[in-house]
mmCIF file of all heavy atoms, coordinates in Angstrom:
data_MODEL
# 
_entry.id   MODEL 
# 
loop_
_atom_site.group_PDB 
_atom_site.id 
_atom_site.type_symbol 
_atom_site.label_atom_id 
_atom_site.label_alt_id 
_atom_site.label_comp_id 
_atom_site.label_asym_id 
_atom_site.label_entity_id 
_atom_site.label_seq_id 
_atom_site.pdbx_PDB_ins_code 
_atom_site.Cartn_x 
_atom_site.Cartn_y 
_atom_site.Cartn_z 
_atom_site.occupancy 
_atom_site.B_iso_or_equiv 
_atom_site.pdbx_formal_charge 
_atom_site.auth_seq_id 
_atom_site.auth_comp_id 
_atom_site.auth_asym_id 
_atom_site.auth_atom_id 
_atom_site.pdbx_PDB_model_num 
ATOM 1   N N   . THR A 1 1  ? 0.815  -1.219  0.000   1.00 0.00 ? 1  THR A N   1 
ATOM 2   C CA  . THR A 1 1  ? 0.000  0.000   0.000   1.00 0.00 ? 1  THR A CA  1 
ATOM 3   C C   . THR A 1 1  ? 0.848  1.269   0.000   1.00 0.00 ? 1  THR A C   1 
ATOM 4   O O   . THR A 1 1  ? 0.410  2.296   -0.487  1.00 0.00 ? 1  THR A O   1 
ATOM 5   C CB  . THR A 1 1  ? -0.934 0.026   1.216   1.00 0.00 ? 1  THR A CB  1 
ATOM 6   O OG1 . THR A 1 1  ? -0.142 -0.121  2.398   1.00 0.00 ? 1  THR A OG1 1 
ATOM 7   C CG2 . THR A 1 1  ? -1.953 -1.090  1.141   1.00 0.00 ? 1  THR A CG2 1 
ATOM 8   N N   . ALA A 1 2  ? 2.064  1.219   0.532   1.00 0.00 ? 2  ALA A N   1 
ATOM 9   C CA  . ALA A 1 2  ? 2.887  2.420   0.684   1.00 0.00 ? 2  ALA A CA  1 
ATOM 10  C C   . ALA A 1 2  ? 3.970  2.544   -0.384  1.00 0.00 ? 2  ALA A C   1 
ATOM 11  O O   . ALA A 1 2  ? 4.805  3.429   -0.298  1.00 0.00 ? 2  ALA A O   1 
ATOM 12  C CB  . ALA A 1 2  ? 3.516  2.433   2.064   1.00 0.00 ? 2  ALA A CB  1 
ATOM 13  N N   . GLY A 1 3  ? 3.987  1.678   -1.363  1.00 0.00 ? 3  GLY A N   1 
ATOM 14  C CA  . GLY A 1 3  ? 4.972  1.771   -2.433  1.00 0.00 ? 3  GLY A CA  1 
ATOM 15  C C   . GLY A 1 3  ? 6.233  0.970   -2.220  1.00 0.00 ? 3  GLY A C   1 
ATOM 16  O O   . GLY A 1 3  ? 7.114  0.952   -3.074  1.00 0.00 ? 3  GLY A O   1 
ATOM 17  N N   . SER A 1 4  ? 6.364  0.281   -1.080  1.00 0.00 ? 4  SER A N   1 
ATOM 18  C CA  . SER A 1 4  ? 7.521  -0.584  -0.848  1.00 0.00 ? 4  SER A CA  1 
ATOM 19  C C   . SER A 1 4  ? 7.108  -1.749  0.047   1.00 0.00 ? 4  SER A C   1 
ATOM 20  O O   . SER A 1 4  ? 6.100  -1.686  0.742   1.00 0.00 ? 4  SER A O   1 
ATOM 21  C CB  . SER A 1 4  ? 8.671  0.188   -0.210  1.00 0.00 ? 4  SER A CB  1 
ATOM 22  O OG  . SER A 1 4  ? 8.310  0.632   1.066   1.00 0.00 ? 4  SER A OG  1 
ATOM 23  N N   . PHE A 1 5  ? 7.886  -2.804  -0.007  1.00 0.00 ? 5  PHE A N   1 
ATOM 24  C CA  . PHE A 1 5  ? 7.622  -3.969  0.820   1.00 0.00 ? 5  PHE A CA  1 
ATOM 25  C C   . PHE A 1 5  ? 8.928  -4.606  1.242   1.00 0.00 ? 5  PHE A C   1 
ATOM 26  O O   . PHE A 1 5  ? 9.991  -4.315  0.704   1.00 0.00 ? 5  PHE A O   1 
ATOM 27  C CB  . PHE A 1 5  ? 6.722  -4.983  0.099   1.00 0.00 ? 5  PHE A CB  1 
ATOM 28  C CG  . PHE A 1 5  ? 7.339  -5.629  -1.101  1.00 0.00 ? 5  PHE A CG  1 
ATOM 29  C CD1 . PHE A 1 5  ? 7.978  -6.857  -0.997  1.00 0.00 ? 5  PHE A CD1 1 
ATOM 30  C CD2 . PHE A 1 5  ? 7.276  -5.025  -2.354  1.00 0.00 ? 5  PHE A CD2 1 
ATOM 31  C CE1 . PHE A 1 5  ? 8.544  -7.460  -2.103  1.00 0.00 ? 5  PHE A CE1 1 
ATOM 32  C CE2 . PHE A 1 5  ? 7.837  -5.616  -3.467  1.00 0.00 ? 5  PHE A CE2 1 
ATOM 33  C CZ  . PHE A 1 5  ? 8.471  -6.847  -3.344  1.00 0.00 ? 5  PHE A CZ  1 
ATOM 34  N N   . ILE A 1 6  ? 8.839  -5.479  2.235   1.00 0.00 ? 6  ILE A N   1 
ATOM 35  C CA  . ILE A 1 6  ? 9.992  -6.196  2.773   1.00 0.00 ? 6  ILE A CA  1 
ATOM 36  C C   . ILE A 1 6  ? 9.806  -7.674  2.487   1.00 0.00 ? 6  ILE A C   1 
ATOM 37  O O   . ILE A 1 6  ? 8.712  -8.210  2.618   1.00 0.00 ? 6  ILE A O   1 
ATOM 38  C CB  . ILE A 1 6  ? 10.127 -5.957  4.286   1.00 0.00 ? 6  ILE A CB  1 
ATOM 39  C CG1 . ILE A 1 6  ? 10.438 -4.489  4.551   1.00 0.00 ? 6  ILE A CG1 1 
ATOM 40  C CG2 . ILE A 1 6  ? 11.199 -6.852  4.896   1.00 0.00 ? 6  ILE A CG2 1 
ATOM 41  C CD1 . ILE A 1 6  ? 10.434 -4.120  6.012   1.00 0.00 ? 6  ILE A CD1 1 
ATOM 42  N N   . ILE A 1 7  ? 10.896 -8.332  2.088   1.00 0.00 ? 7  ILE A N   1 
ATOM 43  C CA  . ILE A 1 7  ? 10.876 -9.777  1.862   1.00 0.00 ? 7  ILE A CA  1 
ATOM 44  C C   . ILE A 1 7  ? 11.528 -10.463 3.057   1.00 0.00 ? 7  ILE A C   1 
ATOM 45  O O   . ILE A 1 7  ? 12.651 -10.119 3.428   1.00 0.00 ? 7  ILE A O   1 
ATOM 46  C CB  . ILE A 1 7  ? 11.620 -10.159 0.572   1.00 0.00 ? 7  ILE A CB  1 
ATOM 47  C CG1 . ILE A 1 7  ? 10.910 -9.576  -0.642  1.00 0.00 ? 7  ILE A CG1 1 
ATOM 48  C CG2 . ILE A 1 7  ? 11.739 -11.681 0.450   1.00 0.00 ? 7  ILE A CG2 1 
ATOM 49  C CD1 . ILE A 1 7  ? 11.609 -9.863  -1.958  1.00 0.00 ? 7  ILE A CD1 1 
ATOM 50  N N   . ARG A 1 8  ? 10.796 -11.402 3.652   1.00 0.00 ? 8  ARG A N   1 
ATOM 51  C CA  . ARG A 1 8  ? 11.375 -12.249 4.700   1.00 0.00 ? 8  ARG A CA  1 
ATOM 52  C C   . ARG A 1 8  ? 11.986 -13.453 4.000   1.00 0.00 ? 8  ARG A C   1 
ATOM 53  O O   . ARG A 1 8  ? 11.286 -14.223 3.345   1.00 0.00 ? 8  ARG A O   1 
ATOM 54  C CB  . ARG A 1 8  ? 10.320 -12.665 5.713   1.00 0.00 ? 8  ARG A CB  1 
ATOM 55  C CG  . ARG A 1 8  ? 9.890  -11.493 6.592   1.00 0.00 ? 8  ARG A CG  1 
ATOM 56  C CD  . ARG A 1 8  ? 8.915  -11.893 7.655   1.00 0.00 ? 8  ARG A CD  1 
ATOM 57  N NE  . ARG A 1 8  ? 7.594  -12.029 7.034   1.00 0.00 ? 8  ARG A NE  1 
ATOM 58  C CZ  . ARG A 1 8  ? 6.682  -12.898 7.404   1.00 0.00 ? 8  ARG A CZ  1 
ATOM 59  N NH1 . ARG A 1 8  ? 6.926  -13.729 8.385   1.00 0.00 ? 8  ARG A NH1 1 
ATOM 60  N NH2 . ARG A 1 8  ? 5.513  -12.951 6.800   1.00 0.00 ? 8  ARG A NH2 1 
ATOM 61  N N   . LEU A 1 9  ? 13.290 -13.594 4.117   1.00 0.00 ? 9  LEU A N   1 
ATOM 62  C CA  . LEU A 1 9  ? 14.004 -14.646 3.398   1.00 0.00 ? 9  LEU A CA  1 
ATOM 63  C C   . LEU A 1 9  ? 13.717 -16.020 3.981   1.00 0.00 ? 9  LEU A C   1 
ATOM 64  O O   . LEU A 1 9  ? 13.632 -16.186 5.202   1.00 0.00 ? 9  LEU A O   1 
ATOM 65  C CB  . LEU A 1 9  ? 15.509 -14.383 3.450   1.00 0.00 ? 9  LEU A CB  1 
ATOM 66  C CG  . LEU A 1 9  ? 15.982 -13.108 2.766   1.00 0.00 ? 9  LEU A CG  1 
ATOM 67  C CD1 . LEU A 1 9  ? 17.465 -12.913 3.011   1.00 0.00 ? 9  LEU A CD1 1 
ATOM 68  C CD2 . LEU A 1 9  ? 15.693 -13.149 1.289   1.00 0.00 ? 9  LEU A CD2 1 
ATOM 69  N N   . PRO A 1 10 ? 13.589 -17.047 3.118   1.00 0.00 ? 10 PRO A N   1 
ATOM 70  C CA  . PRO A 1 10 ? 13.407 -18.419 3.610   1.00 0.00 ? 10 PRO A CA  1 
ATOM 71  C C   . PRO A 1 10 ? 14.726 -18.958 4.161   1.00 0.00 ? 10 PRO A C   1 
ATOM 72  O O   . PRO A 1 10 ? 15.789 -18.365 3.959   1.00 0.00 ? 10 PRO A O   1 
ATOM 73  C CB  . PRO A 1 10 ? 12.972 -19.180 2.348   1.00 0.00 ? 10 PRO A CB  1 
ATOM 74  C CG  . PRO A 1 10 ? 13.550 -18.403 1.224   1.00 0.00 ? 10 PRO A CG  1 
ATOM 75  C CD  . PRO A 1 10 ? 13.545 -16.967 1.664   1.00 0.00 ? 10 PRO A CD  1 
ATOM 76  N N   . GLU A 1 11 ? 14.658 -20.064 4.868   1.00 0.00 ? 11 GLU A N   1 
ATOM 77  C CA  . GLU A 1 11 ? 15.841 -20.666 5.485   1.00 0.00 ? 11 GLU A CA  1 
ATOM 78  C C   . GLU A 1 11 ? 16.959 -20.910 4.468   1.00 0.00 ? 11 GLU A C   1 
ATOM 79  O O   . GLU A 1 11 ? 18.126 -20.758 4.791   1.00 0.00 ? 11 GLU A O   1 
ATOM 80  C CB  . GLU A 1 11 ? 15.476 -21.987 6.167   1.00 0.00 ? 11 GLU A CB  1 
ATOM 81  C CG  . GLU A 1 11 ? 14.626 -21.809 7.401   1.00 0.00 ? 11 GLU A CG  1 
ATOM 82  C CD  . GLU A 1 11 ? 15.319 -21.030 8.496   1.00 0.00 ? 11 GLU A CD  1 
ATOM 83  O OE1 . GLU A 1 11 ? 16.537 -21.216 8.707   1.00 0.00 ? 11 GLU A OE1 1 
ATOM 84  O OE2 . GLU A 1 11 ? 14.645 -20.208 9.142   1.00 0.00 ? 11 GLU A OE2 1 
ATOM 85  N N   . LEU A 1 12 ? 16.585 -21.264 3.255   1.00 0.00 ? 12 LEU A N   1 
ATOM 86  C CA  . LEU A 1 12 ? 17.556 -21.556 2.198   1.00 0.00 ? 12 LEU A CA  1 
ATOM 87  C C   . LEU A 1 12 ? 18.472 -20.374 1.911   1.00 0.00 ? 12 LEU A C   1 
ATOM 88  O O   . LEU A 1 12 ? 19.641 -20.544 1.613   1.00 0.00 ? 12 LEU A O   1 
ATOM 89  C CB  . LEU A 1 12 ? 16.802 -21.950 0.915   1.00 0.00 ? 12 LEU A CB  1 
ATOM 90  C CG  . LEU A 1 12 ? 17.616 -22.205 -0.336  1.00 0.00 ? 12 LEU A CG  1 
ATOM 91  C CD1 . LEU A 1 12 ? 18.343 -23.533 -0.200  1.00 0.00 ? 12 LEU A CD1 1 
ATOM 92  C CD2 . LEU A 1 12 ? 16.729 -22.219 -1.548  1.00 0.00 ? 12 LEU A CD2 1 
ATOM 93  N N   . LEU A 1 13 ? 17.946 -19.157 2.041   1.00 0.00 ? 13 LEU A N   1 
ATOM 94  C CA  . LEU A 1 13 ? 18.711 -17.963 1.674   1.00 0.00 ? 13 LEU A CA  1 
ATOM 95  C C   . LEU A 1 13 ? 19.073 -17.067 2.852   1.00 0.00 ? 13 LEU A C   1 
ATOM 96  O O   . LEU A 1 13 ? 19.641 -15.999 2.651   1.00 0.00 ? 13 LEU A O   1 
ATOM 97  C CB  . LEU A 1 13 ? 17.903 -17.144 0.649   1.00 0.00 ? 13 LEU A CB  1 
ATOM 98  C CG  . LEU A 1 13 ? 17.588 -17.840 -0.670  1.00 0.00 ? 13 LEU A CG  1 
ATOM 99  C CD1 . LEU A 1 13 ? 16.687 -16.974 -1.527  1.00 0.00 ? 13 LEU A CD1 1 
ATOM 100 C CD2 . LEU A 1 13 ? 18.858 -18.179 -1.422  1.00 0.00 ? 13 LEU A CD2 1 
ATOM 101 N N   . LYS A 1 14 ? 18.811 -17.489 4.091   1.00 0.00 ? 14 LYS A N   1 
ATOM 102 C CA  . LYS A 1 14 ? 19.074 -16.632 5.256   1.00 0.00 ? 14 LYS A CA  1 
ATOM 103 C C   . LYS A 1 14 ? 20.551 -16.346 5.458   1.00 0.00 ? 14 LYS A C   1 
ATOM 104 O O   . LYS A 1 14 ? 20.909 -15.274 5.894   1.00 0.00 ? 14 LYS A O   1 
ATOM 105 C CB  . LYS A 1 14 ? 18.495 -17.257 6.512   1.00 0.00 ? 14 LYS A CB  1 
ATOM 106 C CG  . LYS A 1 14 ? 17.021 -17.011 6.614   1.00 0.00 ? 14 LYS A CG  1 
ATOM 107 C CD  . LYS A 1 14 ? 16.552 -17.038 8.009   1.00 0.00 ? 14 LYS A CD  1 
ATOM 108 C CE  . LYS A 1 14 ? 15.073 -16.782 7.925   1.00 0.00 ? 14 LYS A CE  1 
ATOM 109 N NZ  . LYS A 1 14 ? 14.430 -16.425 9.062   1.00 0.00 ? 14 LYS A NZ  1 
ATOM 110 N N   . ASN A 1 15 ? 21.423 -17.297 5.168   1.00 0.00 ? 15 ASN A N   1 
ATOM 111 C CA  . ASN A 1 15 ? 22.848 -17.121 5.411   1.00 0.00 ? 15 ASN A CA  1 
ATOM 112 C C   . ASN A 1 15 ? 23.595 -16.599 4.197   1.00 0.00 ? 15 ASN A C   1 
ATOM 113 O O   . ASN A 1 15 ? 24.820 -16.561 4.204   1.00 0.00 ? 15 ASN A O   1 
ATOM 114 C CB  . ASN A 1 15 ? 23.463 -18.442 5.878   1.00 0.00 ? 15 ASN A CB  1 
ATOM 115 C CG  . ASN A 1 15 ? 22.876 -18.887 7.203   1.00 0.00 ? 15 ASN A CG  1 
ATOM 116 O OD1 . ASN A 1 15 ? 22.528 -18.062 8.039   1.00 0.00 ? 15 ASN A OD1 1 
ATOM 117 N ND2 . ASN A 1 15 ? 22.741 -20.183 7.384   1.00 0.00 ? 15 ASN A ND2 1 
ATOM 118 N N   . VAL A 1 16 ? 22.874 -16.176 3.175   1.00 0.00 ? 16 VAL A N   1 
ATOM 119 C CA  . VAL A 1 16 ? 23.481 -15.670 1.955   1.00 0.00 ? 16 VAL A CA  1 
ATOM 120 C C   . VAL A 1 16 ? 23.587 -14.153 2.066   1.00 0.00 ? 16 VAL A C   1 
ATOM 121 O O   . VAL A 1 16 ? 22.657 -13.488 2.510   1.00 0.00 ? 16 VAL A O   1 
ATOM 122 C CB  . VAL A 1 16 ? 22.627 -16.053 0.718   1.00 0.00 ? 16 VAL A CB  1 
ATOM 123 C CG1 . VAL A 1 16 ? 23.192 -15.465 -0.546  1.00 0.00 ? 16 VAL A CG1 1 
ATOM 124 C CG2 . VAL A 1 16 ? 22.529 -17.570 0.612   1.00 0.00 ? 16 VAL A CG2 1 
ATOM 125 N N   . ALA A 1 17 ? 24.729 -13.611 1.664   1.00 0.00 ? 17 ALA A N   1 
ATOM 126 C CA  . ALA A 1 17 ? 24.903 -12.159 1.694   1.00 0.00 ? 17 ALA A CA  1 
ATOM 127 C C   . ALA A 1 17 ? 23.960 -11.502 0.693   1.00 0.00 ? 17 ALA A C   1 
ATOM 128 O O   . ALA A 1 17 ? 23.758 -12.020 -0.406  1.00 0.00 ? 17 ALA A O   1 
ATOM 129 C CB  . ALA A 1 17 ? 26.349 -11.811 1.358   1.00 0.00 ? 17 ALA A CB  1 
ATOM 130 N N   . GLU A 1 18 ? 23.384 -10.360 1.078   1.00 0.00 ? 18 GLU A N   1 
ATOM 131 C CA  . GLU A 1 18 ? 22.433 -9.674  0.202   1.00 0.00 ? 18 GLU A CA  1 
ATOM 132 C C   . GLU A 1 18 ? 23.066 -9.275  -1.124  1.00 0.00 ? 18 GLU A C   1 
ATOM 133 O O   . GLU A 1 18 ? 22.389 -9.179  -2.129  1.00 0.00 ? 18 GLU A O   1 
ATOM 134 C CB  . GLU A 1 18 ? 21.856 -8.431  0.896   1.00 0.00 ? 18 GLU A CB  1 
ATOM 135 C CG  . GLU A 1 18 ? 20.785 -8.747  1.892   1.00 0.00 ? 18 GLU A CG  1 
ATOM 136 C CD  . GLU A 1 18 ? 20.054 -7.506  2.369   1.00 0.00 ? 18 GLU A CD  1 
ATOM 137 O OE1 . GLU A 1 18 ? 20.370 -6.391  1.903   1.00 0.00 ? 18 GLU A OE1 1 
ATOM 138 O OE2 . GLU A 1 18 ? 19.165 -7.654  3.211   1.00 0.00 ? 18 GLU A OE2 1 
ATOM 139 N N   . GLU A 1 19 ? 24.390 -9.050  -1.143  1.00 0.00 ? 19 GLU A N   1 
ATOM 140 C CA  . GLU A 1 19 ? 25.066 -8.647  -2.373  1.00 0.00 ? 19 GLU A CA  1 
ATOM 141 C C   . GLU A 1 19 ? 25.036 -9.735  -3.440  1.00 0.00 ? 19 GLU A C   1 
ATOM 142 O O   . GLU A 1 19 ? 25.166 -9.444  -4.627  1.00 0.00 ? 19 GLU A O   1 
ATOM 143 C CB  . GLU A 1 19 ? 26.530 -8.273  -2.093  1.00 0.00 ? 19 GLU A CB  1 
ATOM 144 C CG  . GLU A 1 19 ? 26.715 -7.132  -1.134  1.00 0.00 ? 19 GLU A CG  1 
ATOM 145 C CD  . GLU A 1 19 ? 26.660 -7.573  0.323   1.00 0.00 ? 19 GLU A CD  1 
ATOM 146 O OE1 . GLU A 1 19 ? 27.187 -8.650  0.660   1.00 0.00 ? 19 GLU A OE1 1 
ATOM 147 O OE2 . GLU A 1 19 ? 26.063 -6.832  1.120   1.00 0.00 ? 19 GLU A OE2 1 
ATOM 148 N N   . SER A 1 20 ? 24.882 -10.980 -3.030  1.00 0.00 ? 20 SER A N   1 
ATOM 149 C CA  . SER A 1 20 ? 24.877 -12.072 -4.005  1.00 0.00 ? 20 SER A CA  1 
ATOM 150 C C   . SER A 1 20 ? 23.472 -12.519 -4.391  1.00 0.00 ? 20 SER A C   1 
ATOM 151 O O   . SER A 1 20 ? 23.302 -13.514 -5.072  1.00 0.00 ? 20 SER A O   1 
ATOM 152 C CB  . SER A 1 20 ? 25.670 -13.269 -3.475  1.00 0.00 ? 20 SER A CB  1 
ATOM 153 O OG  . SER A 1 20 ? 25.027 -13.824 -2.360  1.00 0.00 ? 20 SER A OG  1 
ATOM 154 N N   . LEU A 1 21 ? 22.443 -11.754 -3.969  1.00 0.00 ? 21 LEU A N   1 
ATOM 155 C CA  . LEU A 1 21 ? 21.061 -12.071 -4.341  1.00 0.00 ? 21 LEU A CA  1 
ATOM 156 C C   . LEU A 1 21 ? 20.584 -11.120 -5.429  1.00 0.00 ? 21 LEU A C   1 
ATOM 157 O O   . LEU A 1 21 ? 20.867 -9.923  -5.387  1.00 0.00 ? 21 LEU A O   1 
ATOM 158 C CB  . LEU A 1 21 ? 20.134 -11.961 -3.129  1.00 0.00 ? 21 LEU A CB  1 
ATOM 159 C CG  . LEU A 1 21 ? 20.316 -13.002 -2.041  1.00 0.00 ? 21 LEU A CG  1 
ATOM 160 C CD1 . LEU A 1 21 ? 19.418 -12.686 -0.854  1.00 0.00 ? 21 LEU A CD1 1 
ATOM 161 C CD2 . LEU A 1 21 ? 20.018 -14.385 -2.560  1.00 0.00 ? 21 LEU A CD2 1 
ATOM 162 N N   . ASN A 1 22 ? 19.847 -11.670 -6.379  1.00 0.00 ? 22 ASN A N   1 
ATOM 163 C CA  . ASN A 1 22 ? 19.265 -10.901 -7.469  1.00 0.00 ? 22 ASN A CA  1 
ATOM 164 C C   . ASN A 1 22 ? 17.752 -11.055 -7.402  1.00 0.00 ? 22 ASN A C   1 
ATOM 165 O O   . ASN A 1 22 ? 17.250 -12.157 -7.201  1.00 0.00 ? 22 ASN A O   1 
ATOM 166 C CB  . ASN A 1 22 ? 19.802 -11.404 -8.806  1.00 0.00 ? 22 ASN A CB  1 
ATOM 167 C CG  . ASN A 1 22 ? 19.448 -10.492 -9.941  1.00 0.00 ? 22 ASN A CG  1 
ATOM 168 O OD1 . ASN A 1 22 ? 19.368 -9.280  -9.764  1.00 0.00 ? 22 ASN A OD1 1 
ATOM 169 N ND2 . ASN A 1 22 ? 19.251 -11.055 -11.114 1.00 0.00 ? 22 ASN A ND2 1 
ATOM 170 N N   . ILE A 1 23 ? 17.006 -9.940  -7.582  1.00 0.00 ? 23 ILE A N   1 
ATOM 171 C CA  . ILE A 1 23 ? 15.552 -9.985  -7.522  1.00 0.00 ? 23 ILE A CA  1 
ATOM 172 C C   . ILE A 1 23 ? 14.970 -9.738  -8.905  1.00 0.00 ? 23 ILE A C   1 
ATOM 173 O O   . ILE A 1 23 ? 15.446 -8.878  -9.644  1.00 0.00 ? 23 ILE A O   1 
ATOM 174 C CB  . ILE A 1 23 ? 14.989 -8.961  -6.507  1.00 0.00 ? 23 ILE A CB  1 
ATOM 175 C CG1 . ILE A 1 23 ? 13.482 -9.093  -6.389  1.00 0.00 ? 23 ILE A CG1 1 
ATOM 176 C CG2 . ILE A 1 23 ? 15.399 -7.552  -6.852  1.00 0.00 ? 23 ILE A CG2 1 
ATOM 177 C CD1 . ILE A 1 23 ? 12.875 -8.321  -5.242  1.00 0.00 ? 23 ILE A CD1 1 
ATOM 178 N N   . ASN A 1 24 ? 13.978 -10.548 -9.268  1.00 0.00 ? 24 ASN A N   1 
ATOM 179 C CA  . ASN A 1 24 ? 13.217 -10.373 -10.504 1.00 0.00 ? 24 ASN A CA  1 
ATOM 180 C C   . ASN A 1 24 ? 11.751 -10.252 -10.141 1.00 0.00 ? 24 ASN A C   1 
ATOM 181 O O   . ASN A 1 24 ? 11.233 -11.046 -9.353  1.00 0.00 ? 24 ASN A O   1 
ATOM 182 C CB  . ASN A 1 24 ? 13.377 -11.569 -11.446 1.00 0.00 ? 24 ASN A CB  1 
ATOM 183 C CG  . ASN A 1 24 ? 14.767 -11.654 -12.014 1.00 0.00 ? 24 ASN A CG  1 
ATOM 184 O OD1 . ASN A 1 24 ? 15.401 -10.653 -12.282 1.00 0.00 ? 24 ASN A OD1 1 
ATOM 185 N ND2 . ASN A 1 24 ? 15.247 -12.865 -12.194 1.00 0.00 ? 24 ASN A ND2 1 
ATOM 186 N N   . ILE A 1 25 ? 11.082 -9.257  -10.716 1.00 0.00 ? 25 ILE A N   1 
ATOM 187 C CA  . ILE A 1 25 ? 9.642  -9.095  -10.548 1.00 0.00 ? 25 ILE A CA  1 
ATOM 188 C C   . ILE A 1 25 ? 9.017  -9.184  -11.923 1.00 0.00 ? 25 ILE A C   1 
ATOM 189 O O   . ILE A 1 25 ? 9.412  -8.457  -12.839 1.00 0.00 ? 25 ILE A O   1 
ATOM 190 C CB  . ILE A 1 25 ? 9.284  -7.757  -9.861  1.00 0.00 ? 25 ILE A CB  1 
ATOM 191 C CG1 . ILE A 1 25 ? 9.948  -7.684  -8.485  1.00 0.00 ? 25 ILE A CG1 1 
ATOM 192 C CG2 . ILE A 1 25 ? 7.773  -7.613  -9.745  1.00 0.00 ? 25 ILE A CG2 1 
ATOM 193 C CD1 . ILE A 1 25 ? 9.705  -6.397  -7.736  1.00 0.00 ? 25 ILE A CD1 1 
ATOM 194 N N   . ILE A 1 26 ? 8.060  -10.102 -12.067 1.00 0.00 ? 26 ILE A N   1 
ATOM 195 C CA  . ILE A 1 26 ? 7.423  -10.384 -13.355 1.00 0.00 ? 26 ILE A CA  1 
ATOM 196 C C   . ILE A 1 26 ? 5.945  -10.053 -13.244 1.00 0.00 ? 26 ILE A C   1 
ATOM 197 O O   . ILE A 1 26 ? 5.279  -10.472 -12.287 1.00 0.00 ? 26 ILE A O   1 
ATOM 198 C CB  . ILE A 1 26 ? 7.629  -11.859 -13.747 1.00 0.00 ? 26 ILE A CB  1 
ATOM 199 C CG1 . ILE A 1 26 ? 9.123  -12.157 -13.821 1.00 0.00 ? 26 ILE A CG1 1 
ATOM 200 C CG2 . ILE A 1 26 ? 6.937  -12.188 -15.054 1.00 0.00 ? 26 ILE A CG2 1 
ATOM 201 C CD1 . ILE A 1 26 ? 9.456  -13.614 -13.877 1.00 0.00 ? 26 ILE A CD1 1 
ATOM 202 N N   . SER A 1 27 ? 5.425  -9.311  -14.221 1.00 0.00 ? 27 SER A N   1 
ATOM 203 C CA  . SER A 1 27 ? 4.011  -8.933  -14.205 1.00 0.00 ? 27 SER A CA  1 
ATOM 204 C C   . SER A 1 27 ? 3.146  -10.124 -14.583 1.00 0.00 ? 27 SER A C   1 
ATOM 205 O O   . SER A 1 27 ? 3.630  -11.158 -15.052 1.00 0.00 ? 27 SER A O   1 
ATOM 206 C CB  . SER A 1 27 ? 3.762  -7.780  -15.170 1.00 0.00 ? 27 SER A CB  1 
ATOM 207 O OG  . SER A 1 27 ? 3.912  -8.216  -16.497 1.00 0.00 ? 27 SER A OG  1 
# 
């Protein structure tokens, strides 16, 4: 509703540095 959101990472990706994650959003 406010133009941004937060992703809670699953256990698989919790110990991964954010710099090595890539996000894709598909309509």
